PDB file of N, CA and C in Angstrom:
ATOM      1  N   MET A   1       0.845  -1.184   0.000  1.00  0.00           N
ATOM      2  CA  MET A   1       0.000   0.000   0.000  1.00  0.00           C
ATOM      3  C   MET A   1       0.883   1.237   0.000  1.00  0.00           C
ATOM      4  N   THR A   2       0.521   2.183  -0.820  1.00  0.00           N
ATOM      5  CA  THR A   2       1.231   3.447  -0.870  1.00  0.00           C
ATOM      6  C   THR A   2       0.546   4.431   0.062  1.00  0.00           C
ATOM      7  N   ILE A   3       1.298   5.001   0.989  1.00  0.00           N
ATOM      8  CA  ILE A   3       0.751   5.992   1.915  1.00  0.00           C
ATOM      9  C   ILE A   3       0.839   7.356   1.252  1.00  0.00           C
ATOM     10  N   PRO A   4      -0.308   8.062   1.164  1.00  0.00           N
ATOM     11  CA  PRO A   4      -0.268   9.369   0.502  1.00  0.00           C
ATOM     12  C   PRO A   4       0.591  10.365   1.264  1.00  0.00           C
ATOM     13  N   ARG A   5       1.308  11.198   0.517  1.00  0.00           N
ATOM     14  CA  ARG A   5       2.127  12.247   1.131  1.00  0.00           C
ATOM     15  C   ARG A   5       1.428  13.586   1.066  1.00  0.00           C
ATOM     16  N   GLY A   6       0.273  13.613   0.401  1.00  0.00           N
ATOM     17  CA  GLY A   6      -0.495  14.840   0.311  1.00  0.00           C
ATOM     18  C   GLY A   6      -1.910  14.541  -0.147  1.00  0.00           C
ATOM     19  N   LEU A   7      -2.806  15.401   0.237  1.00  0.00           N
ATOM     20  CA  LEU A   7      -4.200  15.307  -0.179  1.00  0.00           C
ATOM     21  C   LEU A   7      -4.671  16.694  -0.561  1.00  0.00           C
ATOM     22  N   VAL A   8      -5.488  16.789  -1.574  1.00  0.00           N
ATOM     23  CA  VAL A   8      -6.081  18.080  -1.909  1.00  0.00           C
ATOM     24  C   VAL A   8      -7.209  18.350  -0.927  1.00  0.00           C
ATOM     25  N   ALA A   9      -7.514  19.623  -0.719  1.00  0.00           N
ATOM     26  CA  ALA A   9      -8.518  20.008   0.275  1.00  0.00           C
ATOM     27  C   ALA A   9      -9.854  19.318   0.048  1.00  0.00           C
ATOM     28  N   SER A  10     -10.258  19.162  -1.202  1.00  0.00           N
ATOM     29  CA  SER A  10     -11.547  18.527  -1.471  1.00  0.00           C
ATOM     30  C   SER A  10     -11.564  17.056  -1.061  1.00  0.00           C
ATOM     31  N   GLU A  11     -10.394  16.431  -0.959  1.00  0.00           N
ATOM     32  CA  GLU A  11     -10.326  15.049  -0.473  1.00  0.00           C
ATOM     33  C   GLU A  11     -10.342  14.987   1.050  1.00  0.00           C
ATOM     34  N   ILE A  12      -9.954  16.068   1.706  1.00  0.00           N
ATOM     35  CA  ILE A  12      -9.900  16.095   3.168  1.00  0.00           C
ATOM     36  C   ILE A  12     -11.271  16.393   3.758  1.00  0.00           C
ATOM     37  N   THR A  13     -11.963  17.381   3.191  1.00  0.00           N
ATOM     38  CA  THR A  13     -13.284  17.719   3.726  1.00  0.00           C
ATOM     39  C   THR A  13     -14.225  16.537   3.522  1.00  0.00           C
ATOM     40  N   GLY A  14     -14.974  16.254   4.567  1.00  0.00           N
ATOM     41  CA  GLY A  14     -15.905  15.132   4.540  1.00  0.00           C
ATOM     42  C   GLY A  14     -15.342  13.843   5.100  1.00  0.00           C
ATOM     43  N   LYS A  15     -14.017  13.785   5.313  1.00  0.00           N
ATOM     44  CA  LYS A  15     -13.440  12.553   5.871  1.00  0.00           C
ATOM     45  C   LYS A  15     -13.836  12.387   7.330  1.00  0.00           C
ATOM     46  N   LYS A  16     -14.013  11.133   7.725  1.00  0.00           N
ATOM     47  CA  LYS A  16     -14.370  10.811   9.103  1.00  0.00           C
ATOM     48  C   LYS A  16     -13.222  11.142  10.044  1.00  0.00           C
ATOM     49  N   VAL A  17     -13.604  11.448  11.286  1.00  0.00           N
ATOM     50  CA  VAL A  17     -12.639  11.665  12.359  1.00  0.00           C
ATOM     51  C   VAL A  17     -13.029  10.720  13.492  1.00  0.00           C
ATOM     52  N   ARG A  18     -12.083   9.950  13.954  1.00  0.00           N
ATOM     53  CA  ARG A  18     -12.299   9.015  15.065  1.00  0.00           C
ATOM     54  C   ARG A  18     -11.155   9.174  16.060  1.00  0.00           C
ATOM     55  N   ASN A  19     -11.350   8.604  17.246  1.00  0.00           N
ATOM     56  CA  ASN A  19     -10.230   8.534  18.182  1.00  0.00           C
ATOM     57  C   ASN A  19      -9.661   7.121  18.129  1.00  0.00           C
ATOM     58  N   ARG A  20      -8.597   6.887  18.858  1.00  0.00           N
ATOM     59  CA  ARG A  20      -7.929   5.582  18.799  1.00  0.00           C
ATOM     60  C   ARG A  20      -8.785   4.461  19.392  1.00  0.00           C
ATOM     61  N   ALA A  21      -9.810   4.820  20.168  1.00  0.00           N
ATOM     62  CA  ALA A  21     -10.737   3.821  20.706  1.00  0.00           C
ATOM     63  C   ALA A  21     -11.814   3.466  19.684  1.00  0.00           C
ATOM     64  N   GLY A  22     -11.806   4.146  18.533  1.00  0.00           N
ATOM     65  CA  GLY A  22     -12.781   3.860  17.489  1.00  0.00           C
ATOM     66  C   GLY A  22     -14.066   4.657  17.592  1.00  0.00           C
ATOM     67  N   GLU A  23     -14.132   5.591  18.557  1.00  0.00           N
ATOM     68  CA  GLU A  23     -15.336   6.407  18.700  1.00  0.00           C
ATOM     69  C   GLU A  23     -15.432   7.417  17.551  1.00  0.00           C
ATOM     70  N   ASP A  24     -16.630   7.590  17.034  1.00  0.00           N
ATOM     71  CA  ASP A  24     -16.885   8.544  15.962  1.00  0.00           C
ATOM     72  C   ASP A  24     -16.861   9.954  16.534  1.00  0.00           C
ATOM     73  N   LEU A  25     -15.993  10.802  15.979  1.00  0.00           N
ATOM     74  CA  LEU A  25     -15.883  12.193  16.432  1.00  0.00           C
ATOM     75  C   LEU A  25     -16.372  13.172  15.373  1.00  0.00           C
ATOM     76  N   GLY A  26     -16.982  12.667  14.316  1.00  0.00           N
ATOM     77  CA  GLY A  26     -17.551  13.542  13.306  1.00  0.00           C
ATOM     78  C   GLY A  26     -16.814  13.473  11.995  1.00  0.00           C
ATOM     79  N   LYS A  27     -16.866  14.599  11.279  1.00  0.00           N
ATOM     80  CA  LYS A  27     -16.237  14.708   9.963  1.00  0.00           C
ATOM     81  C   LYS A  27     -15.541  16.052   9.836  1.00  0.00           C
ATOM     82  N   ILE A  28     -14.570  16.106   8.946  1.00  0.00           N
ATOM     83  CA  ILE A  28     -13.912  17.376   8.666  1.00  0.00           C
ATOM     84  C   ILE A  28     -14.857  18.197   7.796  1.00  0.00           C
ATOM     85  N   HIS A  29     -15.267  19.328   8.331  1.00  0.00           N
ATOM     86  CA  HIS A  29     -16.215  20.209   7.653  1.00  0.00           C
ATOM     87  C   HIS A  29     -15.495  21.200   6.746  1.00  0.00           C
ATOM     88  N   ASP A  30     -14.362  21.708   7.215  1.00  0.00           N
ATOM     89  CA  ASP A  30     -13.632  22.718   6.450  1.00  0.00           C
ATOM     90  C   ASP A  30     -12.221  22.825   7.001  1.00  0.00           C
ATOM     91  N   LEU A  31     -11.393  23.609   6.325  1.00  0.00           N
ATOM     92  CA  LEU A  31     -10.011  23.835   6.743  1.00  0.00           C
ATOM     93  C   LEU A  31      -9.758  25.326   6.839  1.00  0.00           C
ATOM     94  N   MET A  32      -8.902  25.725   7.781  1.00  0.00           N
ATOM     95  CA  MET A  32      -8.491  27.122   7.904  1.00  0.00           C
ATOM     96  C   MET A  32      -7.016  27.192   7.569  1.00  0.00           C
ATOM     97  N   MET A  33      -6.705  27.975   6.544  1.00  0.00           N
ATOM     98  CA  MET A  33      -5.322  28.149   6.111  1.00  0.00           C
ATOM     99  C   MET A  33      -4.751  29.415   6.724  1.00  0.00           C
ATOM    100  N   ASP A  34      -3.532  29.329   7.193  1.00  0.00           N
ATOM    101  CA  ASP A  34      -2.815  30.485   7.704  1.00  0.00           C
ATOM    102  C   ASP A  34      -2.122  31.142   6.515  1.00  0.00           C
ATOM    103  N   LEU A  35      -2.570  32.313   6.125  1.00  0.00           N
ATOM    104  CA  LEU A  35      -2.024  32.966   4.940  1.00  0.00           C
ATOM    105  C   LEU A  35      -0.586  33.426   5.126  1.00  0.00           C
ATOM    106  N   ASP A  36      -0.165  33.635   6.378  1.00  0.00           N
ATOM    107  CA  ASP A  36       1.220  34.039   6.618  1.00  0.00           C
ATOM    108  C   ASP A  36       2.194  32.875   6.400  1.00  0.00           C
ATOM    109  N   SER A  37       1.850  31.698   6.954  1.00  0.00           N
ATOM    110  CA  SER A  37       2.758  30.552   6.837  1.00  0.00           C
ATOM    111  C   SER A  37       2.495  29.721   5.589  1.00  0.00           C
ATOM    112  N   GLY A  38       1.284  29.805   5.064  1.00  0.00           N
ATOM    113  CA  GLY A  38       0.921  29.002   3.904  1.00  0.00           C
ATOM    114  C   GLY A  38       0.486  27.596   4.249  1.00  0.00           C
ATOM    115  N   GLY A  39       0.393  27.279   5.526  1.00  0.00           N
ATOM    116  CA  GLY A  39      -0.014  25.935   5.946  1.00  0.00           C
ATOM    117  C   GLY A  39      -1.425  25.912   6.495  1.00  0.00           C
ATOM    118  N   ILE A  40      -1.910  24.700   6.746  1.00  0.00           N
ATOM    119  CA  ILE A  40      -3.225  24.545   7.364  1.00  0.00           C
ATOM    120  C   ILE A  40      -3.070  24.819   8.853  1.00  0.00           C
ATOM    121  N   SER A  41      -3.850  25.743   9.365  1.00  0.00           N
ATOM    122  CA  SER A  41      -3.809  26.069  10.786  1.00  0.00           C
ATOM    123  C   SER A  41      -4.655  25.089  11.585  1.00  0.00           C
ATOM    124  N   TYR A  42      -5.899  24.882  11.139  1.00  0.00           N
ATOM    125  CA  TYR A  42      -6.768  23.951  11.844  1.00  0.00           C
ATOM    126  C   TYR A  42      -7.861  23.430  10.924  1.00  0.00           C
ATOM    127  N   ALA A  43      -8.469  22.341  11.373  1.00  0.00           N
ATOM    128  CA  ALA A  43      -9.626  21.777  10.697  1.00  0.00           C
ATOM    129  C   ALA A  43     -10.856  22.109  11.525  1.00  0.00           C
ATOM    130  N   ILE A  44     -11.950  22.400  10.848  1.00  0.00           N
ATOM    131  CA  ILE A  44     -13.237  22.556  11.529  1.00  0.00           C
ATOM    132  C   ILE A  44     -13.908  21.195  11.458  1.00  0.00           C
ATOM    133  N   VAL A  45     -14.130  20.597  12.628  1.00  0.00           N
ATOM    134  CA  VAL A  45     -14.726  19.271  12.718  1.00  0.00           C
ATOM    135  C   VAL A  45     -16.168  19.419  13.177  1.00  0.00           C
ATOM    136  N   SER A  46     -17.084  18.811  12.425  1.00  0.00           N
ATOM    137  CA  SER A  46     -18.497  18.805  12.823  1.00  0.00           C
ATOM    138  C   SER A  46     -18.767  17.509  13.576  1.00  0.00           C
ATOM    139  N   TYR A  47     -19.424  17.635  14.706  1.00  0.00           N
ATOM    140  CA  TYR A  47     -19.667  16.500  15.588  1.00  0.00           C
ATOM    141  C   TYR A  47     -21.136  16.482  15.981  1.00  0.00           C
ATOM    142  N   GLY A  48     -21.732  15.319  15.959  1.00  0.00           N
ATOM    143  CA  GLY A  48     -23.123  15.167  16.366  1.00  0.00           C
ATOM    144  C   GLY A  48     -23.990  14.772  15.192  1.00  0.00           C
ATOM    145  N   THR A  49     -25.125  14.154  15.514  1.00  0.00           N
ATOM    146  CA  THR A  49     -26.006  13.690  14.453  1.00  0.00           C
ATOM    147  C   THR A  49     -27.229  14.580  14.277  1.00  0.00           C
ATOM    148  N   ILE A  50     -27.796  15.052  15.375  1.00  0.00           N
ATOM    149  CA  ILE A  50     -29.006  15.878  15.272  1.00  0.00           C
ATOM    150  C   ILE A  50     -28.641  17.353  15.273  1.00  0.00           C
ATOM    151  N   SER A  51     -28.012  17.812  16.321  1.00  0.00           N
ATOM    152  CA  SER A  51     -27.550  19.208  16.355  1.00  0.00           C
ATOM    153  C   SER A  51     -26.023  19.178  16.361  1.00  0.00           C
ATOM    154  N   HIS A  52     -25.448  19.676  15.299  1.00  0.00           N
ATOM    155  CA  HIS A  52     -23.999  19.633  15.149  1.00  0.00           C
ATOM    156  C   HIS A  52     -23.319  20.691  16.008  1.00  0.00           C
ATOM    157  N   LYS A  53     -22.180  20.284  16.590  1.00  0.00           N
ATOM    158  CA  LYS A  53     -21.261  21.210  17.229  1.00  0.00           C
ATOM    159  C   LYS A  53     -20.028  21.226  16.341  1.00  0.00           C
ATOM    160  N   TYR A  54     -19.387  22.372  16.281  1.00  0.00           N
ATOM    161  CA  TYR A  54     -18.196  22.512  15.454  1.00  0.00           C
ATOM    162  C   TYR A  54     -17.011  22.862  16.342  1.00  0.00           C
ATOM    163  N   PHE A  55     -15.865  22.252  16.030  1.00  0.00           N
ATOM    164  CA  PHE A  55     -14.659  22.465  16.815  1.00  0.00           C
ATOM    165  C   PHE A  55     -13.503  22.848  15.903  1.00  0.00           C
ATOM    166  N   ALA A  56     -12.691  23.796  16.367  1.00  0.00           N
ATOM    167  CA  ALA A  56     -11.457  24.159  15.671  1.00  0.00           C
ATOM    168  C   ALA A  56     -10.352  23.270  16.237  1.00  0.00           C
ATOM    169  N   VAL A  57      -9.882  22.345  15.426  1.00  0.00           N
ATOM    170  CA  VAL A  57      -8.878  21.373  15.862  1.00  0.00           C
ATOM    171  C   VAL A  57      -7.540  21.728  15.214  1.00  0.00           C
ATOM    172  N   PRO A  58      -6.540  22.087  16.021  1.00  0.00           N
ATOM    173  CA  PRO A  58      -5.232  22.380  15.443  1.00  0.00           C
ATOM    174  C   PRO A  58      -4.773  21.231  14.540  1.00  0.00           C
ATOM    175  N   TRP A  59      -4.285  21.579  13.379  1.00  0.00           N
ATOM    176  CA  TRP A  59      -3.898  20.573  12.396  1.00  0.00           C
ATOM    177  C   TRP A  59      -2.892  19.589  12.971  1.00  0.00           C
ATOM    178  N   THR A  60      -2.038  20.065  13.872  1.00  0.00           N
ATOM    179  CA  THR A  60      -1.014  19.198  14.466  1.00  0.00           C
ATOM    180  C   THR A  60      -1.607  18.141  15.399  1.00  0.00           C
ATOM    181  N   GLU A  61      -2.874  18.292  15.790  1.00  0.00           N
ATOM    182  CA  GLU A  61      -3.523  17.300  16.659  1.00  0.00           C
ATOM    183  C   GLU A  61      -4.177  16.168  15.874  1.00  0.00           C
ATOM    184  N   LEU A  62      -4.209  16.274  14.565  1.00  0.00           N
ATOM    185  CA  LEU A  62      -4.817  15.245  13.724  1.00  0.00           C
ATOM    186  C   LEU A  62      -3.735  14.421  13.036  1.00  0.00           C
ATOM    187  N   SER A  63      -4.005  13.148  12.882  1.00  0.00           N
ATOM    188  CA  SER A  63      -3.127  12.300  12.085  1.00  0.00           C
ATOM    189  C   SER A  63      -3.999  11.514  11.112  1.00  0.00           C
ATOM    190  N   PHE A  64      -3.430  11.162   9.980  1.00  0.00           N
ATOM    191  CA  PHE A  64      -4.188  10.470   8.951  1.00  0.00           C
ATOM    192  C   PHE A  64      -3.950   8.978   9.037  1.00  0.00           C
ATOM    193  N   ASN A  65      -5.025   8.203   9.010  1.00  0.00           N
ATOM    194  CA  ASN A  65      -4.957   6.750   8.998  1.00  0.00           C
ATOM    195  C   ASN A  65      -5.293   6.297   7.579  1.00  0.00           C
ATOM    196  N   PRO A  66      -4.276   5.982   6.750  1.00  0.00           N
ATOM    197  CA  PRO A  66      -4.541   5.637   5.355  1.00  0.00           C
ATOM    198  C   PRO A  66      -5.278   4.306   5.184  1.00  0.00           C
ATOM    199  N   VAL A  67      -5.135   3.404   6.149  1.00  0.00           N
ATOM    200  CA  VAL A  67      -5.811   2.107   6.044  1.00  0.00           C
ATOM    201  C   VAL A  67      -7.331   2.295   6.094  1.00  0.00           C
ATOM    202  N   GLU A  68      -7.802   3.143   7.007  1.00  0.00           N
ATOM    203  CA  GLU A  68      -9.236   3.396   7.156  1.00  0.00           C
ATOM    204  C   GLU A  68      -9.686   4.648   6.405  1.00  0.00           C
ATOM    205  N   ASP A  69      -8.747   5.385   5.806  1.00  0.00           N
ATOM    206  CA  ASP A  69      -9.039   6.614   5.070  1.00  0.00           C
ATOM    207  C   ASP A  69      -9.800   7.610   5.954  1.00  0.00           C
ATOM    208  N   GLU A  70      -9.251   7.843   7.146  1.00  0.00           N
ATOM    209  CA  GLU A  70      -9.880   8.739   8.112  1.00  0.00           C
ATOM    210  C   GLU A  70      -8.797   9.427   8.937  1.00  0.00           C
ATOM    211  N   PHE A  71      -9.218  10.445   9.674  1.00  0.00           N
ATOM    212  CA  PHE A  71      -8.303  11.152  10.561  1.00  0.00           C
ATOM    213  C   PHE A  71      -8.511  10.700  11.995  1.00  0.00           C
ATOM    214  N   LEU A  72      -7.441  10.722  12.765  1.00  0.00           N
ATOM    215  CA  LEU A  72      -7.476  10.372  14.181  1.00  0.00           C
ATOM    216  C   LEU A  72      -7.224  11.619  15.010  1.00  0.00           C
ATOM    217  N   TRP A  73      -7.983  11.718  16.101  1.00  0.00           N
ATOM    218  CA  TRP A  73      -7.852  12.842  17.032  1.00  0.00           C
ATOM    219  C   TRP A  73      -7.932  12.267  18.433  1.00  0.00           C
ATOM    220  N   ASP A  74      -6.959  12.545  19.267  1.00  0.00           N
ATOM    221  CA  ASP A  74      -6.894  11.981  20.608  1.00  0.00           C
ATOM    222  C   ASP A  74      -7.763  12.761  21.590  1.00  0.00           C
ATOM    223  N   VAL A  75      -9.075  12.563  21.478  1.00  0.00           N
ATOM    224  CA  VAL A  75     -10.038  13.160  22.391  1.00  0.00           C
ATOM    225  C   VAL A  75     -11.208  12.183  22.493  1.00  0.00           C
ATOM    226  N   SER A  76     -11.870  12.162  23.631  1.00  0.00           N
ATOM    227  CA  SER A  76     -13.003  11.250  23.802  1.00  0.00           C
ATOM    228  C   SER A  76     -14.320  11.937  23.459  1.00  0.00           C
ATOM    229  N   GLN A  77     -15.337  11.139  23.198  1.00  0.00           N
ATOM    230  CA  GLN A  77     -16.667  11.693  22.953  1.00  0.00           C
ATOM    231  C   GLN A  77     -17.159  12.458  24.177  1.00  0.00           C
ATOM    232  N   ASP A  78     -16.870  11.952  25.372  1.00  0.00           N
ATOM    233  CA  ASP A  78     -17.282  12.645  26.603  1.00  0.00           C
ATOM    234  C   ASP A  78     -16.664  14.036  26.671  1.00  0.00           C
ATOM    235  N   ALA A  79     -15.394  14.141  26.302  1.00  0.00           N
ATOM    236  CA  ALA A  79     -14.725  15.452  26.319  1.00  0.00           C
ATOM    237  C   ALA A  79     -15.363  16.395  25.310  1.00  0.00           C
ATOM    238  N   LEU A  80     -15.727  15.889  24.141  1.00  0.00           N
ATOM    239  CA  LEU A  80     -16.377  16.736  23.134  1.00  0.00           C
ATOM    240  C   LEU A  80     -17.751  17.188  23.599  1.00  0.00           C
ATOM    241  N   ASN A  81     -18.485  16.295  24.225  1.00  0.00           N
ATOM    242  CA  ASN A  81     -19.817  16.651  24.721  1.00  0.00           C
ATOM    243  C   ASN A  81     -19.743  17.750  25.772  1.00  0.00           C
ATOM    244  N   ALA A  82     -18.645  17.806  26.524  1.00  0.00           N
ATOM    245  CA  ALA A  82     -18.488  18.810  27.580  1.00  0.00           C
ATOM    246  C   ALA A  82     -17.950  20.145  27.052  1.00  0.00           C
ATOM    247  N   ARG A  83     -17.383  20.158  25.865  1.00  0.00           N
ATOM    248  CA  ARG A  83     -16.778  21.370  25.301  1.00  0.00           C
ATOM    249  C   ARG A  83     -17.807  22.245  24.599  1.00  0.00           C
ATOM    250  N   ASN A  84     -17.500  23.538  24.582  1.00  0.00           N
ATOM    251  CA  ASN A  84     -18.257  24.463  23.752  1.00  0.00           C
ATOM    252  C   ASN A  84     -17.662  24.427  22.362  1.00  0.00           C
ATOM    253  N   GLY A  85     -18.503  24.507  21.372  1.00  0.00           N
ATOM    254  CA  GLY A  85     -18.036  24.521  19.999  1.00  0.00           C
ATOM    255  C   GLY A  85     -17.747  25.941  19.530  1.00  0.00           C
ATOM    256  N   ILE A  86     -17.496  26.083  18.242  1.00  0.00           N
ATOM    257  CA  ILE A  86     -17.266  27.387  17.625  1.00  0.00           C
ATOM    258  C   ILE A  86     -18.417  27.692  16.673  1.00  0.00           C
ATOM    259  N   ASP A  87     -18.514  28.924  16.261  1.00  0.00           N
ATOM    260  CA  ASP A  87     -19.472  29.330  15.237  1.00  0.00           C
ATOM    261  C   ASP A  87     -18.813  29.071  13.889  1.00  0.00           C
ATOM    262  N   LYS A  88     -19.299  28.084  13.152  1.00  0.00           N
ATOM    263  CA  LYS A  88     -18.662  27.706  11.885  1.00  0.00           C
ATOM    264  C   LYS A  88     -18.707  28.820  10.846  1.00  0.00           C
ATOM    265  N   ASP A  89     -19.667  29.732  10.988  1.00  0.00           N
ATOM    266  CA  ASP A  89     -19.772  30.834  10.037  1.00  0.00           C
ATOM    267  C   ASP A  89     -18.850  32.001  10.377  1.00  0.00           C
ATOM    268  N   HIS A  90     -18.305  31.993  11.606  1.00  0.00           N
ATOM    269  CA  HIS A  90     -17.350  33.019  12.045  1.00  0.00           C
ATOM    270  C   HIS A  90     -16.228  32.329  12.832  1.00  0.00           C
ATOM    271  N   PRO A  91     -15.428  31.514  12.134  1.00  0.00           N
ATOM    272  CA  PRO A  91     -14.389  30.772  12.835  1.00  0.00           C
ATOM    273  C   PRO A  91     -13.292  31.682  13.365  1.00  0.00           C
ATOM    274  N   PRO A  92     -12.575  31.227  14.380  1.00  0.00           N
ATOM    275  CA  PRO A  92     -11.477  32.047  14.925  1.00  0.00           C
ATOM    276  C   PRO A  92     -10.337  32.195  13.924  1.00  0.00           C
ATOM    277  N   GLU A  93      -9.580  33.238  14.085  1.00  0.00           N
ATOM    278  CA  GLU A  93      -8.398  33.452  13.263  1.00  0.00           C
ATOM    279  C   GLU A  93      -7.371  32.350  13.588  1.00  0.00           C
ATOM    280  N   PRO A  94      -6.508  31.993  12.650  1.00  0.00           N
ATOM    281  CA  PRO A  94      -5.546  30.924  12.901  1.00  0.00           C
ATOM    282  C   PRO A  94      -4.707  31.107  14.159  1.00  0.00           C
ATOM    283  N   PHE A  95      -4.276  32.340  14.444  1.00  0.00           N
ATOM    284  CA  PHE A  95      -3.420  32.559  15.615  1.00  0.00           C
ATOM    285  C   PHE A  95      -4.169  32.369  16.926  1.00  0.00           C
ATOM    286  N   GLU A  96      -5.491  32.361  16.908  1.00  0.00           N
ATOM    287  CA  GLU A  96      -6.288  32.174  18.116  1.00  0.00           C
ATOM    288  C   GLU A  96      -6.426  30.718  18.503  1.00  0.00           C
ATOM    289  N   VAL A  97      -6.042  29.795  17.639  1.00  0.00           N
ATOM    290  CA  VAL A  97      -6.242  28.373  17.882  1.00  0.00           C
ATOM    291  C   VAL A  97      -4.951  27.661  18.271  1.00  0.00           C
ATOM    292  N   ARG A  98      -3.826  28.234  17.961  1.00  0.00           N
ATOM    293  CA  ARG A  98      -2.533  27.574  18.216  1.00  0.00           C
ATOM    294  C   ARG A  98      -2.310  27.224  19.647  1.00  0.00           C
TER     295      ARG A  98
END
């Protein structure tokens, strides 16, 4: 199997996000690019089935699992349920999430 060294943004959005315990943490809704560095600052992850919560996840906290074609994030569902989300229509600036 060839492990990808890059993905285009359209391939990243919509991918599942799980933790190492296999719990579903949602999907990647969008990406925030830092225009100063040229890199991805964070992913906006949508979580929940009925009423979605959105989280700004620093890109460095995500890892790609090519076998399952999904991203891994080391957080539990309980922790997400206890957190406040972000407004997806007015996301924080990249420097506010680091």
